[in-house]
PDB file of N, CA and C in Angstrom:
ATOM      1  N   MET A   1       0.845  -1.166   0.000  1.00  0.00           N
ATOM      2  CA  MET A   1       0.000   0.000   0.000  1.00  0.00           C
ATOM      3  C   MET A   1       0.896   1.235   0.000  1.00  0.00           C
ATOM      4  N   LEU A   2       0.627   2.130  -0.903  1.00  0.00           N
ATOM      5  CA  LEU A   2       1.411   3.349  -1.001  1.00  0.00           C
ATOM      6  C   LEU A   2       0.711   4.492  -0.278  1.00  0.00           C
ATOM      7  N   TYR A   3       1.489   5.351   0.317  1.00  0.00           N
ATOM      8  CA  TYR A   3       0.968   6.519   1.002  1.00  0.00           C
ATOM      9  C   TYR A   3       1.104   7.741   0.102  1.00  0.00           C
ATOM     10  N   ARG A   4       0.421   8.819   0.449  1.00  0.00           N
ATOM     11  CA  ARG A   4       0.416  10.023  -0.385  1.00  0.00           C
ATOM     12  C   ARG A   4       1.829  10.523  -0.699  1.00  0.00           C
ATOM     13  N   GLU A   5       2.687  10.513   0.296  1.00  0.00           N
ATOM     14  CA  GLU A   5       4.054  11.017   0.099  1.00  0.00           C
ATOM     15  C   GLU A   5       4.809  10.160  -0.918  1.00  0.00           C
ATOM     16  N   GLN A   6       4.621   8.859  -0.854  1.00  0.00           N
ATOM     17  CA  GLN A   6       5.287   7.972  -1.802  1.00  0.00           C
ATOM     18  C   GLN A   6       4.749   8.177  -3.218  1.00  0.00           C
ATOM     19  N   ILE A   7       3.439   8.381  -3.343  1.00  0.00           N
ATOM     20  CA  ILE A   7       2.854   8.644  -4.657  1.00  0.00           C
ATOM     21  C   ILE A   7       3.377   9.963  -5.209  1.00  0.00           C
ATOM     22  N   LYS A   8       3.524  10.957  -4.342  1.00  0.00           N
ATOM     23  CA  LYS A   8       4.053  12.251  -4.757  1.00  0.00           C
ATOM     24  C   LYS A   8       5.498  12.113  -5.267  1.00  0.00           C
ATOM     25  N   GLN A   9       6.304  11.324  -4.557  1.00  0.00           N
ATOM     26  CA  GLN A   9       7.683  11.112  -4.978  1.00  0.00           C
ATOM     27  C   GLN A   9       7.743  10.376  -6.317  1.00  0.00           C
ATOM     28  N   LEU A  10       6.891   9.368  -6.503  1.00  0.00           N
ATOM     29  CA  LEU A  10       6.835   8.651  -7.769  1.00  0.00           C
ATOM     30  C   LEU A  10       6.414   9.576  -8.905  1.00  0.00           C
ATOM     31  N   ASP A  11       5.452  10.451  -8.629  1.00  0.00           N
ATOM     32  CA  ASP A  11       4.976  11.379  -9.650  1.00  0.00           C
ATOM     33  C   ASP A  11       6.077  12.360 -10.046  1.00  0.00           C
ATOM     34  N   CYS A  12       6.832  12.843  -9.066  1.00  0.00           N
ATOM     35  CA  CYS A  12       7.950  13.750  -9.367  1.00  0.00           C
ATOM     36  C   CYS A  12       8.990  13.063 -10.240  1.00  0.00           C
ATOM     37  N   PHE A  13       9.353  11.834  -9.882  1.00  0.00           N
ATOM     38  CA  PHE A  13      10.332  11.092 -10.669  1.00  0.00           C
ATOM     39  C   PHE A  13       9.819  10.859 -12.086  1.00  0.00           C
ATOM     40  N   ARG A  14       8.541  10.516 -12.191  1.00  0.00           N
ATOM     41  CA  ARG A  14       7.947  10.254 -13.497  1.00  0.00           C
ATOM     42  C   ARG A  14       7.964  11.503 -14.363  1.00  0.00           C
ATOM     43  N   MET A  15       7.647  12.666 -13.779  1.00  0.00           N
ATOM     44  CA  MET A  15       7.649  13.917 -14.545  1.00  0.00           C
ATOM     45  C   MET A  15       9.045  14.244 -15.048  1.00  0.00           C
ATOM     46  N   ILE A  16      10.029  14.090 -14.178  1.00  0.00           N
ATOM     47  CA  ILE A  16      11.413  14.367 -14.582  1.00  0.00           C
ATOM     48  C   ILE A  16      11.827  13.423 -15.708  1.00  0.00           C
ATOM     49  N   SER A  17      11.450  12.164 -15.573  1.00  0.00           N
ATOM     50  CA  SER A  17      11.803  11.173 -16.600  1.00  0.00           C
ATOM     51  C   SER A  17      11.106  11.478 -17.924  1.00  0.00           C
ATOM     52  N   LEU A  18       9.811  11.791 -17.869  1.00  0.00           N
ATOM     53  CA  LEU A  18       9.076  12.110 -19.095  1.00  0.00           C
ATOM     54  C   LEU A  18       9.647  13.344 -19.783  1.00  0.00           C
ATOM     55  N   GLN A  19       9.969  14.364 -18.990  1.00  0.00           N
ATOM     56  CA  GLN A  19      10.540  15.575 -19.579  1.00  0.00           C
ATOM     57  C   GLN A  19      11.883  15.279 -20.226  1.00  0.00           C
ATOM     58  N   SER A  20      12.663  14.429 -19.603  1.00  0.00           N
ATOM     59  CA  SER A  20      13.960  14.066 -20.166  1.00  0.00           C
ATOM     60  C   SER A  20      13.788  13.275 -21.462  1.00  0.00           C
ATOM     61  N   ILE A  21      12.890  12.319 -21.457  1.00  0.00           N
ATOM     62  CA  ILE A  21      12.652  11.496 -22.646  1.00  0.00           C
ATOM     63  C   ILE A  21      12.115  12.344 -23.797  1.00  0.00           C
ATOM     64  N   MET A  22      11.224  13.283 -23.476  1.00  0.00           N
ATOM     65  CA  MET A  22      10.602  14.098 -24.517  1.00  0.00           C
ATOM     66  C   MET A  22      11.447  15.301 -24.912  1.00  0.00           C
ATOM     67  N   GLY A  23      12.569  15.505 -24.225  1.00  0.00           N
ATOM     68  CA  GLY A  23      13.476  16.602 -24.559  1.00  0.00           C
ATOM     69  C   GLY A  23      12.963  17.963 -24.121  1.00  0.00           C
ATOM     70  N   ILE A  24      12.177  18.005 -23.076  1.00  0.00           N
ATOM     71  CA  ILE A  24      11.638  19.267 -22.565  1.00  0.00           C
ATOM     72  C   ILE A  24      12.567  19.781 -21.467  1.00  0.00           C
ATOM     73  N   LYS A  25      13.072  20.965 -21.639  1.00  0.00           N
ATOM     74  CA  LYS A  25      13.954  21.576 -20.650  1.00  0.00           C
ATOM     75  C   LYS A  25      13.119  22.227 -19.551  1.00  0.00           C
ATOM     76  N   TRP A  26      13.677  22.289 -18.347  1.00  0.00           N
ATOM     77  CA  TRP A  26      12.944  22.899 -17.235  1.00  0.00           C
ATOM     78  C   TRP A  26      12.768  24.396 -17.458  1.00  0.00           C
ATOM     79  N   GLN A  27      13.649  25.008 -18.252  1.00  0.00           N
ATOM     80  CA  GLN A  27      13.536  26.431 -18.533  1.00  0.00           C
ATOM     81  C   GLN A  27      12.317  26.731 -19.413  1.00  0.00           C
ATOM     82  N   GLY A  28      11.789  25.716 -20.097  1.00  0.00           N
ATOM     83  CA  GLY A  28      10.630  25.903 -20.963  1.00  0.00           C
ATOM     84  C   GLY A  28       9.352  26.153 -20.194  1.00  0.00           C
ATOM     85  N   LYS A  29       9.357  25.848 -18.905  1.00  0.00           N
ATOM     86  CA  LYS A  29       8.201  26.060 -18.022  1.00  0.00           C
ATOM     87  C   LYS A  29       6.928  25.436 -18.604  1.00  0.00           C
ATOM     88  N   VAL A  30       7.031  24.163 -18.961  1.00  0.00           N
ATOM     89  CA  VAL A  30       5.878  23.426 -19.467  1.00  0.00           C
ATOM     90  C   VAL A  30       5.177  22.784 -18.269  1.00  0.00           C
ATOM     91  N   ALA A  31       3.866  22.953 -18.188  1.00  0.00           N
ATOM     92  CA  ALA A  31       3.092  22.428 -17.062  1.00  0.00           C
ATOM     93  C   ALA A  31       3.098  20.894 -17.077  1.00  0.00           C
ATOM     94  N   ASN A  32       3.011  20.306 -15.884  1.00  0.00           N
ATOM     95  CA  ASN A  32       3.010  18.844 -15.774  1.00  0.00           C
ATOM     96  C   ASN A  32       1.838  18.218 -16.525  1.00  0.00           C
ATOM     97  N   LEU A  33       0.670  18.847 -16.449  1.00  0.00           N
ATOM     98  CA  LEU A  33      -0.494  18.312 -17.158  1.00  0.00           C
ATOM     99  C   LEU A  33      -0.269  18.285 -18.663  1.00  0.00           C
ATOM    100  N   GLU A  34       0.419  19.296 -19.161  1.00  0.00           N
ATOM    101  CA  GLU A  34       0.707  19.338 -20.592  1.00  0.00           C
ATOM    102  C   GLU A  34       1.691  18.233 -20.975  1.00  0.00           C
ATOM    103  N   VAL A  35       2.667  17.964 -20.110  1.00  0.00           N
ATOM    104  CA  VAL A  35       3.624  16.883 -20.372  1.00  0.00           C
ATOM    105  C   VAL A  35       2.898  15.543 -20.426  1.00  0.00           C
ATOM    106  N   VAL A  36       1.992  15.315 -19.480  1.00  0.00           N
ATOM    107  CA  VAL A  36       1.227  14.063 -19.448  1.00  0.00           C
ATOM    108  C   VAL A  36       0.326  13.959 -20.674  1.00  0.00           C
ATOM    109  N   ASP A  37      -0.296  15.079 -21.081  1.00  0.00           N
ATOM    110  CA  ASP A  37      -1.138  15.064 -22.280  1.00  0.00           C
ATOM    111  C   ASP A  37      -0.316  14.761 -23.531  1.00  0.00           C
ATOM    112  N   ARG A  38       0.851  15.358 -23.627  1.00  0.00           N
ATOM    113  CA  ARG A  38       1.716  15.084 -24.783  1.00  0.00           C
ATOM    114  C   ARG A  38       2.137  13.620 -24.828  1.00  0.00           C
ATOM    115  N   ALA A  39       2.409  13.045 -23.669  1.00  0.00           N
ATOM    116  CA  ALA A  39       2.832  11.652 -23.602  1.00  0.00           C
ATOM    117  C   ALA A  39       1.643  10.697 -23.738  1.00  0.00           C
ATOM    118  N   ASP A  40       0.416  11.212 -23.608  1.00  0.00           N
ATOM    119  CA  ASP A  40      -0.812  10.426 -23.700  1.00  0.00           C
ATOM    120  C   ASP A  40      -0.808   9.275 -22.694  1.00  0.00           C
ATOM    121  N   LEU A  41      -0.554   9.631 -21.416  1.00  0.00           N
ATOM    122  CA  LEU A  41      -0.509   8.648 -20.336  1.00  0.00           C
ATOM    123  C   LEU A  41      -1.486   9.020 -19.235  1.00  0.00           C
ATOM    124  N   LEU A  42      -1.820   8.031 -18.416  1.00  0.00           N
ATOM    125  CA  LEU A  42      -2.637   8.278 -17.230  1.00  0.00           C
ATOM    126  C   LEU A  42      -1.769   8.885 -16.138  1.00  0.00           C
ATOM    127  N   CYS A  43      -2.407   9.506 -15.146  1.00  0.00           N
ATOM    128  CA  CYS A  43      -1.646   9.997 -14.008  1.00  0.00           C
ATOM    129  C   CYS A  43      -1.141   8.787 -13.204  1.00  0.00           C
ATOM    130  N   ILE A  44      -0.136   8.992 -12.411  1.00  0.00           N
ATOM    131  CA  ILE A  44       0.519   7.885 -11.692  1.00  0.00           C
ATOM    132  C   ILE A  44      -0.439   7.219 -10.714  1.00  0.00           C
ATOM    133  N   LYS A  45      -1.302   8.008 -10.071  1.00  0.00           N
ATOM    134  CA  LYS A  45      -2.246   7.440  -9.109  1.00  0.00           C
ATOM    135  C   LYS A  45      -3.234   6.507  -9.806  1.00  0.00           C
ATOM    136  N   ALA A  46      -3.708   6.893 -10.985  1.00  0.00           N
ATOM    137  CA  ALA A  46      -4.623   6.041 -11.746  1.00  0.00           C
ATOM    138  C   ALA A  46      -3.933   4.759 -12.208  1.00  0.00           C
ATOM    139  N   MET A  47      -2.664   4.869 -12.597  1.00  0.00           N
ATOM    140  CA  MET A  47      -1.920   3.680 -13.031  1.00  0.00           C
ATOM    141  C   MET A  47      -1.739   2.702 -11.873  1.00  0.00           C
ATOM    142  N   ILE A  48      -1.416   3.213 -10.708  1.00  0.00           N
ATOM    143  CA  ILE A  48      -1.216   2.360  -9.531  1.00  0.00           C
ATOM    144  C   ILE A  48      -2.531   1.705  -9.130  1.00  0.00           C
ATOM    145  N   LEU A  49      -3.615   2.476  -9.114  1.00  0.00           N
ATOM    146  CA  LEU A  49      -4.920   1.939  -8.740  1.00  0.00           C
ATOM    147  C   LEU A  49      -5.362   0.854  -9.717  1.00  0.00           C
ATOM    148  N   LYS A  50      -5.150   1.075 -10.998  1.00  0.00           N
ATOM    149  CA  LYS A  50      -5.518   0.073 -12.007  1.00  0.00           C
ATOM    150  C   LYS A  50      -4.751  -1.228 -11.776  1.00  0.00           C
ATOM    151  N   THR A  51      -3.469  -1.126 -11.494  1.00  0.00           N
ATOM    152  CA  THR A  51      -2.646  -2.311 -11.235  1.00  0.00           C
ATOM    153  C   THR A  51      -3.099  -3.024  -9.961  1.00  0.00           C
ATOM    154  N   GLN A  52      -3.410  -2.266  -8.922  1.00  0.00           N
ATOM    155  CA  GLN A  52      -3.852  -2.873  -7.667  1.00  0.00           C
ATOM    156  C   GLN A  52      -5.182  -3.596  -7.838  1.00  0.00           C
ATOM    157  N   ILE A  53      -6.105  -3.004  -8.576  1.00  0.00           N
ATOM    158  CA  ILE A  53      -7.403  -3.642  -8.804  1.00  0.00           C
ATOM    159  C   ILE A  53      -7.239  -4.900  -9.643  1.00  0.00           C
ATOM    160  N   THR A  54      -6.370  -4.859 -10.640  1.00  0.00           N
ATOM    161  CA  THR A  54      -6.104  -6.042 -11.459  1.00  0.00           C
ATOM    162  C   THR A  54      -5.524  -7.161 -10.606  1.00  0.00           C
ATOM    163  N   TRP A  55      -4.566  -6.829  -9.762  1.00  0.00           N
ATOM    164  CA  TRP A  55      -3.948  -7.845  -8.898  1.00  0.00           C
ATOM    165  C   TRP A  55      -4.968  -8.407  -7.915  1.00  0.00           C
ATOM    166  N   THR A  56      -5.821  -7.551  -7.356  1.00  0.00           N
ATOM    167  CA  THR A  56      -6.832  -7.996  -6.414  1.00  0.00           C
ATOM    168  C   THR A  56      -7.801  -8.966  -7.082  1.00  0.00           C
ATOM    169  N   GLY A  57      -8.198  -8.688  -8.315  1.00  0.00           N
ATOM    170  CA  GLY A  57      -9.062  -9.598  -9.053  1.00  0.00           C
ATOM    171  C   GLY A  57      -8.394 -10.935  -9.299  1.00  0.00           C
ATOM    172  N   HIS A  58      -7.110 -10.897  -9.602  1.00  0.00           N
ATOM    173  CA  HIS A  58      -6.338 -12.124  -9.811  1.00  0.00           C
ATOM    174  C   HIS A  58      -6.309 -12.964  -8.531  1.00  0.00           C
ATOM    175  N   VAL A  59      -6.048 -12.331  -7.406  1.00  0.00           N
ATOM    176  CA  VAL A  59      -5.978 -13.046  -6.131  1.00  0.00           C
ATOM    177  C   VAL A  59      -7.363 -13.562  -5.728  1.00  0.00           C
ATOM    178  N   ALA A  60      -8.415 -12.783  -6.004  1.00  0.00           N
ATOM    179  CA  ALA A  60      -9.776 -13.200  -5.639  1.00  0.00           C
ATOM    180  C   ALA A  60     -10.193 -14.470  -6.369  1.00  0.00           C
ATOM    181  N   ARG A  61      -9.629 -14.711  -7.548  1.00  0.00           N
ATOM    182  CA  ARG A  61      -9.969 -15.914  -8.309  1.00  0.00           C
ATOM    183  C   ARG A  61      -9.137 -17.131  -7.922  1.00  0.00           C
ATOM    184  N   MET A  62      -8.156 -16.954  -7.061  1.00  0.00           N
ATOM    185  CA  MET A  62      -7.317 -18.070  -6.624  1.00  0.00           C
ATOM    186  C   MET A  62      -8.095 -19.022  -5.720  1.00  0.00           C
ATOM    187  N   GLU A  63      -7.564 -20.238  -5.577  1.00  0.00           N
ATOM    188  CA  GLU A  63      -8.165 -21.195  -4.644  1.00  0.00           C
ATOM    189  C   GLU A  63      -7.978 -20.676  -3.217  1.00  0.00           C
ATOM    190  N   PRO A  64      -8.911 -21.017  -2.324  1.00  0.00           N
ATOM    191  CA  PRO A  64      -8.844 -20.500  -0.946  1.00  0.00           C
ATOM    192  C   PRO A  64      -7.596 -20.903  -0.164  1.00  0.00           C
ATOM    193  N   HIS A  65      -6.931 -21.989  -0.540  1.00  0.00           N
ATOM    194  CA  HIS A  65      -5.765 -22.425   0.226  1.00  0.00           C
ATOM    195  C   HIS A  65      -4.490 -21.675  -0.147  1.00  0.00           C
ATOM    196  N   ARG A  66      -4.517 -20.862  -1.200  1.00  0.00           N
ATOM    197  CA  ARG A  66      -3.318 -20.128  -1.635  1.00  0.00           C
ATOM    198  C   ARG A  66      -3.000 -19.001  -0.659  1.00  0.00           C
ATOM    199  N   ILE A  67      -1.709 -18.793  -0.391  1.00  0.00           N
ATOM    200  CA  ILE A  67      -1.261 -17.815   0.600  1.00  0.00           C
ATOM    201  C   ILE A  67      -1.672 -16.377   0.249  1.00  0.00           C
ATOM    202  N   PRO A  68      -1.519 -15.905  -1.001  1.00  0.00           N
ATOM    203  CA  PRO A  68      -1.939 -14.517  -1.267  1.00  0.00           C
ATOM    204  C   PRO A  68      -3.414 -14.272  -0.958  1.00  0.00           C
ATOM    205  N   ARG A  69      -4.261 -15.251  -1.290  1.00  0.00           N
ATOM    206  CA  ARG A  69      -5.690 -15.092  -0.995  1.00  0.00           C
ATOM    207  C   ARG A  69      -5.951 -15.099   0.509  1.00  0.00           C
ATOM    208  N   GLN A  70      -5.257 -15.954   1.239  1.00  0.00           N
ATOM    209  CA  GLN A  70      -5.424 -15.989   2.688  1.00  0.00           C
ATOM    210  C   GLN A  70      -5.017 -14.658   3.298  1.00  0.00           C
ATOM    211  N   ARG A  71      -3.952 -14.048   2.785  1.00  0.00           N
ATOM    212  CA  ARG A  71      -3.487 -12.762   3.317  1.00  0.00           C
ATOM    213  C   ARG A  71      -4.437 -11.629   2.953  1.00  0.00           C
ATOM    214  N   LEU A  72      -5.018 -11.685   1.751  1.00  0.00           N
ATOM    215  CA  LEU A  72      -5.932 -10.629   1.325  1.00  0.00           C
ATOM    216  C   LEU A  72      -7.205 -10.635   2.155  1.00  0.00           C
ATOM    217  N   TYR A  73      -7.757 -11.818   2.408  1.00  0.00           N
ATOM    218  CA  TYR A  73      -9.015 -11.913   3.133  1.00  0.00           C
ATOM    219  C   TYR A  73      -8.834 -12.160   4.625  1.00  0.00           C
ATOM    220  N   GLY A  74      -7.604 -12.320   5.077  1.00  0.00           N
ATOM    221  CA  GLY A  74      -7.354 -12.564   6.493  1.00  0.00           C
ATOM    222  C   GLY A  74      -7.489 -11.306   7.333  1.00  0.00           C
ATOM    223  N   GLU A  75      -7.501 -11.499   8.610  1.00  0.00           N
ATOM    224  CA  GLU A  75      -7.587 -10.393   9.557  1.00  0.00           C
ATOM    225  C   GLU A  75      -6.211 -10.165  10.182  1.00  0.00           C
ATOM    226  N   PRO A  76      -5.868  -8.920  10.514  1.00  0.00           N
ATOM    227  CA  PRO A  76      -4.602  -8.682  11.196  1.00  0.00           C
ATOM    228  C   PRO A  76      -4.619  -9.303  12.597  1.00  0.00           C
ATOM    229  N   LYS A  77      -3.430  -9.517  13.130  1.00  0.00           N
ATOM    230  CA  LYS A  77      -3.355 -10.138  14.454  1.00  0.00           C
ATOM    231  C   LYS A  77      -4.099  -9.295  15.474  1.00  0.00           C
ATOM    232  N   GLN A  78      -4.665  -9.975  16.426  1.00  0.00           N
ATOM    233  CA  GLN A  78      -5.413  -9.296  17.478  1.00  0.00           C
ATOM    234  C   GLN A  78      -4.444  -8.806  18.550  1.00  0.00           C
ATOM    235  N   GLY A  79      -4.868  -7.850  19.297  1.00  0.00           N
ATOM    236  CA  GLY A  79      -4.039  -7.351  20.374  1.00  0.00           C
ATOM    237  C   GLY A  79      -3.760  -5.872  20.209  1.00  0.00           C
ATOM    238  N   PRO A  80      -3.013  -5.316  21.145  1.00  0.00           N
ATOM    239  CA  PRO A  80      -2.771  -3.871  21.104  1.00  0.00           C
ATOM    240  C   PRO A  80      -1.817  -3.494  19.973  1.00  0.00           C
ATOM    241  N   ARG A  81      -2.016  -2.311  19.463  1.00  0.00           N
ATOM    242  CA  ARG A  81      -1.104  -1.751  18.467  1.00  0.00           C
ATOM    243  C   ARG A  81      -0.780  -0.336  18.916  1.00  0.00           C
ATOM    244  N   PRO A  82       0.246   0.283  18.383  1.00  0.00           N
ATOM    245  CA  PRO A  82       0.609   1.623  18.844  1.00  0.00           C
ATOM    246  C   PRO A  82      -0.547   2.610  18.701  1.00  0.00           C
ATOM    247  N   GLN A  83      -0.621   3.541  19.626  1.00  0.00           N
ATOM    248  CA  GLN A  83      -1.683   4.530  19.619  1.00  0.00           C
ATOM    249  C   GLN A  83      -1.612   5.348  18.332  1.00  0.00           C
ATOM    250  N   GLY A  84      -2.755   5.569  17.724  1.00  0.00           N
ATOM    251  CA  GLY A  84      -2.817   6.365  16.509  1.00  0.00           C
ATOM    252  C   GLY A  84      -2.563   5.574  15.243  1.00  0.00           C
ATOM    253  N   HIS A  85      -2.362   4.273  15.355  1.00  0.00           N
ATOM    254  CA  HIS A  85      -2.116   3.441  14.183  1.00  0.00           C
ATOM    255  C   HIS A  85      -3.357   2.590  13.907  1.00  0.00           C
ATOM    256  N   PRO A  86      -4.184   2.987  12.958  1.00  0.00           N
ATOM    257  CA  PRO A  86      -5.374   2.200  12.684  1.00  0.00           C
ATOM    258  C   PRO A  86      -5.021   0.912  11.938  1.00  0.00           C
ATOM    259  N   LYS A  87      -5.952  -0.021  11.925  1.00  0.00           N
ATOM    260  CA  LYS A  87      -5.768  -1.231  11.130  1.00  0.00           C
ATOM    261  C   LYS A  87      -5.828  -0.819   9.662  1.00  0.00           C
ATOM    262  N   ARG A  88      -4.756  -1.004   8.949  1.00  0.00           N
ATOM    263  CA  ARG A  88      -4.732  -0.692   7.525  1.00  0.00           C
ATOM    264  C   ARG A  88      -4.391  -1.957   6.777  1.00  0.00           C
ATOM    265  N   ARG A  89      -5.345  -2.408   6.031  1.00  0.00           N
ATOM    266  CA  ARG A  89      -5.137  -3.595   5.220  1.00  0.00           C
ATOM    267  C   ARG A  89      -5.254  -3.195   3.765  1.00  0.00           C
ATOM    268  N   PHE A  90      -4.643  -3.985   2.892  1.00  0.00           N
ATOM    269  CA  PHE A  90      -4.668  -3.700   1.471  1.00  0.00           C
ATOM    270  C   PHE A  90      -6.107  -3.660   0.956  1.00  0.00           C
ATOM    271  N   LYS A  91      -6.930  -4.617   1.401  1.00  0.00           N
ATOM    272  CA  LYS A  91      -8.310  -4.660   0.905  1.00  0.00           C
ATOM    273  C   LYS A  91      -9.105  -3.428   1.353  1.00  0.00           C
ATOM    274  N   ASP A  92      -8.797  -2.868   2.517  1.00  0.00           N
ATOM    275  CA  ASP A  92      -9.469  -1.649   2.950  1.00  0.00           C
ATOM    276  C   ASP A  92      -9.104  -0.474   2.027  1.00  0.00           C
ATOM    277  N   HIS A  93      -7.856  -0.435   1.630  1.00  0.00           N
ATOM    278  CA  HIS A  93      -7.384   0.621   0.737  1.00  0.00           C
ATOM    279  C   HIS A  93      -8.080   0.525  -0.615  1.00  0.00           C
ATOM    280  N   ILE A  94      -8.236  -0.674  -1.137  1.00  0.00           N
ATOM    281  CA  ILE A  94      -8.881  -0.862  -2.438  1.00  0.00           C
ATOM    282  C   ILE A  94     -10.363  -0.486  -2.345  1.00  0.00           C
ATOM    283  N   ILE A  95     -11.013  -0.852  -1.249  1.00  0.00           N
ATOM    284  CA  ILE A  95     -12.430  -0.553  -1.091  1.00  0.00           C
ATOM    285  C   ILE A  95     -12.665   0.961  -1.025  1.00  0.00           C
ATOM    286  N   GLU A  96     -11.744   1.713  -0.389  1.00  0.00           N
ATOM    287  CA  GLU A  96     -11.861   3.171  -0.299  1.00  0.00           C
ATOM    288  C   GLU A  96     -11.866   3.819  -1.663  1.00  0.00           C
ATOM    289  N   CYS A  97     -11.005   3.349  -2.533  1.00  0.00           N
ATOM    290  CA  CYS A  97     -10.849   3.963  -3.849  1.00  0.00           C
ATOM    291  C   CYS A  97     -12.002   3.599  -4.729  1.00  0.00           C
TER     292      CYS A  97
END
């Protein structure tokens, strides 16, 4: 599961890479949205979500005894956890989106 900061870092790296590949200099002051439109690509968050949903569908079709399926539908261990740390499971993240 990726957090907002990690997605932001991936997006920054992707923009720098796309600008380099397309030969766009930073002095040209081309907006990020324009770079993505020129490259005809989805935003990084949409690409990650699409991949996660595809993987979740793949795991959901597995036999119940397979480890990835057990982990996806399993519950986290019971007991105390650090204050302020909610139960965050991959399936909860997918359901939110």
